[in-house]
Structure formats: structure tokens, C-alpha cells
Amino acid sequence: MAHCTVSEVQSWLQASKIKLDNVESDLETSAVNIVFGQLAGLYVTTGWLDDTNTPSIVQTILCMLLASWIYRRAYAENIETDLSYPQWLEDEANMLIQMIAGGTIDIPGATQVSSNITSIDGWPLNLTGSSQQTDAAGNNVGWNAYSEDIKFRVGDLF
């Protein structure tokens, strides 16, 4: 199932240099795996099956990656070709992924992955860790949570 149409990928390519007839499914699958793999921890991507239900910003990123790869492959044997444009496309696509991951860009309408932490039991406290502390040399220095080896407590200020 195609996440990018030929015209969407072609819009990132100069028509006088590269004219696409189709988008290779293997190449698109690679782009989808890379992008979805980075976004799956933040958004529920299971419903993004094709170009009709994949968010537009994600489609844009996929098309940019595909266009950069297609351009590089088309001119791979010509060492005199300036490859700054495909590099720029790939860098921009990766920057967009990082902005989404960092929370700078939101994907409107996409379902975010919810946290499964339902209580504070998963958070550290002064008693977190071993009840028997040792110093750097391995010598036993205490048996309680407030031994002399503890350098930091949850409520301490730096």
C-alpha cells in the first residue's frame, strides 16, 4: 500500500532531470520503516496504511526521503554531479522527524502513545536501590538508605 503517490514524490524532483513512472515499493517500504520506527514511540502508527490515512506531514517526510534517495541513485555514477540538493532533502526530512520527536511539531489528528505509568511506584525515591551500599573500592559502608555512600537524595537541591 503506497504512502506516497508518484506526483507527491515528483514534486520534490526537477522534472527535467528525473521523471518518475512509479514509486518503487521496496524503496518506499524502507522509508516507511525508518520514519515510522522513529515515530512509533510517540504516535500510534498502525492506522497509517496508505496515502489516504497517513498524516500529511509524515507523507511529506516520506516523499522527501524517497526523492533524495531516487536522485542519489540516478546520479550515483556521475561523480561531477552536485549532490547538495538530495543531501538537503534528506537533512530536512530528518530534521522534521527530530522536531516531531522533540515536540516542536505536532501531528494534528494523530493519536499519541499513552504512558502506561499509572502510579508513582515507578519513580525513584530515597530508598531506591540496594539496601547495602559499598564505596568505590567495594567496602561495605552501610546497610540503610541513608549511608555515607549516598551522594544524592530525591529531595536534595544542587
Foldseek 3Di string as FASTA:
>chain_A
DAAEFQVLLCVLPDCVQDRDPGQDPVLLVVLCCVLCVLCVQWFPCPPSDHNVPNFPLSSNLSSLLSNLVVVCVVCVVPPPDDSVSSVVSNVVSVVSSVCCVVVVDDRPPTHTDDDPDDDCPPPDFLQPDAQFDAAPVRHTQGRHSPTPRDPDGPPDDD
